[in-house]
């Protein structure tokens, strides 16, 4: 894996995490601008993902790393920023996600 691929995947994972944050804020506060910001950021994620695939990266590798990173980021976002409960079972699931992604790459 090259540094550009890793950088782009990390970028979309972070941007998707921020988009999820804005969408949750919209749900909590009913402020339209949070929803709009979330949707704009998801558009950025799609655009960057398109370029990742266009560079010749295998879809199974790109999607697995992206999905695993997104699951981990969204779980911690919910836990830290929105005080959503993270059970031991969920934590074990996150560990399995991490191990599964590692086995794919």
Protein backbone atom coordinates (compact mmCIF):
# COMPACT_ATOMS: atom_id res chain seq x y z
CA UNK A 1 0.00 0.00 0.00
CA UNK A 2 1.33 3.38 -0.90
CA UNK A 3 1.28 6.53 1.20
CA UNK A 4 -1.24 8.29 -1.06
CA UNK A 5 -3.74 5.44 -0.66
CA UNK A 6 -3.31 5.39 3.11
CA UNK A 7 -3.64 9.18 3.27
CA UNK A 8 -6.82 9.20 1.17
CA UNK A 9 -8.41 6.39 3.19
CA UNK A 10 -7.59 8.17 6.46
CA UNK A 11 -9.01 11.37 4.99
CA UNK A 12 -12.36 9.80 4.08
CA UNK A 13 -12.58 8.03 7.44
CA UNK A 14 -12.08 11.32 9.27
CA UNK A 15 -14.43 13.26 6.97
CA UNK A 16 -17.10 10.58 7.33
CA UNK A 17 -16.72 10.74 11.12
CA UNK A 18 -17.23 14.49 11.05
CA UNK A 19 -20.23 14.05 8.74
CA UNK A 20 -21.77 11.58 11.18
CA UNK A 21 -21.15 14.04 14.00
CA UNK A 22 -23.02 16.78 12.12
CA UNK A 23 -25.93 14.49 11.30
CA UNK A 24 -26.23 13.42 14.95
CA UNK A 25 -26.10 17.10 15.98
CA UNK A 26 -28.95 17.77 13.52
CA UNK A 27 -31.01 15.01 15.15
CA UNK A 28 -30.26 16.32 18.66
CA UNK A 29 -30.70 20.05 17.95
CA UNK A 30 -33.00 20.12 14.90
CA UNK A 31 -30.70 22.63 13.19
CA UNK A 32 -30.85 22.27 9.39
CA UNK A 33 -27.32 23.52 8.81
CA UNK A 34 -25.88 20.48 10.62
CA UNK A 35 -27.69 18.18 8.20
CA UNK A 36 -26.50 20.20 5.20
CA UNK A 37 -22.90 20.10 6.42
CA UNK A 38 -23.15 16.34 6.96
CA UNK A 39 -24.49 15.77 3.46
CA UNK A 40 -21.81 17.96 1.89
CA UNK A 41 -19.11 16.03 3.72
CA UNK A 42 -20.58 12.70 2.58
CA UNK A 43 -20.35 14.03 -1.00
CA UNK A 44 -16.66 14.74 -0.42
CA UNK A 45 -16.23 11.16 0.86
CA UNK A 46 -17.83 9.76 -2.30
CA UNK A 47 -15.67 11.94 -4.54
CA UNK A 48 -12.41 10.94 -2.82
CA UNK A 49 -13.43 7.26 -2.78
CA UNK A 50 -14.01 7.47 -6.54
CA UNK A 51 -10.44 8.71 -6.95
CA UNK A 52 -9.09 5.93 -4.75
CA UNK A 53 -10.68 3.34 -7.02
CA UNK A 54 -9.67 5.23 -10.15
CA UNK A 55 -6.03 4.99 -9.04
CA UNK A 56 -6.38 1.21 -9.37
CA UNK A 57 -6.84 0.22 -5.76
CA UNK A 58 -8.70 -3.06 -5.27
CA UNK A 59 -12.26 -2.41 -4.14
CA UNK A 60 -12.15 -5.14 -1.48
CA UNK A 61 -9.11 -3.62 0.20
CA UNK A 62 -10.28 0.00 -0.04
CA UNK A 63 -13.80 -0.75 1.17
CA UNK A 64 -12.66 -3.00 4.02
CA UNK A 65 -10.20 -0.47 5.43
CA UNK A 66 -12.67 2.38 4.98
CA UNK A 67 -15.54 0.46 6.58
CA UNK A 68 -13.45 -0.74 9.52
CA UNK A 69 -12.11 2.74 10.15
CA UNK A 70 -15.57 4.25 9.90
CA UNK A 71 -17.02 1.74 12.34
CA UNK A 72 -14.28 2.43 14.85
CA UNK A 73 -14.45 6.23 14.46
CA UNK A 74 -18.25 6.36 14.64
CA UNK A 75 -18.27 4.14 17.71
CA UNK A 76 -15.83 6.35 19.56
CA UNK A 77 -17.60 9.51 18.35
CA UNK A 78 -20.88 8.25 19.80
CA UNK A 79 -19.20 7.18 23.02
CA UNK A 80 -17.04 10.26 23.66
CA UNK A 81 -19.07 13.10 22.15
CA UNK A 82 -22.65 11.92 22.59
CA UNK A 83 -22.32 9.78 25.75
CA UNK A 84 -23.73 6.74 23.97
CA UNK A 85 -23.12 3.51 25.83
CA UNK A 86 -20.37 1.20 24.56
CA UNK A 87 -20.82 -2.25 26.06
CA UNK A 88 -18.15 -4.91 26.47
CA UNK A 89 -19.83 -6.88 23.67
CA UNK A 90 -19.60 -3.85 21.38
CA UNK A 91 -15.92 -3.36 22.29
CA UNK A 92 -15.24 -7.00 21.43
CA UNK A 93 -17.03 -6.45 18.11
CA UNK A 94 -14.80 -3.48 17.38
CA UNK A 95 -11.75 -5.63 18.05
CA UNK A 96 -13.08 -8.23 15.59
CA UNK A 97 -13.60 -5.51 12.98
CA UNK A 98 -10.00 -4.41 13.43
CA UNK A 99 -8.68 -7.98 13.16
CA UNK A 100 -10.86 -8.68 10.11
CA UNK A 101 -9.58 -5.58 8.32
CA UNK A 102 -6.00 -6.54 9.16
CA UNK A 103 -6.52 -10.00 7.63
CA UNK A 104 -7.86 -8.50 4.38
CA UNK A 105 -4.90 -6.20 3.86
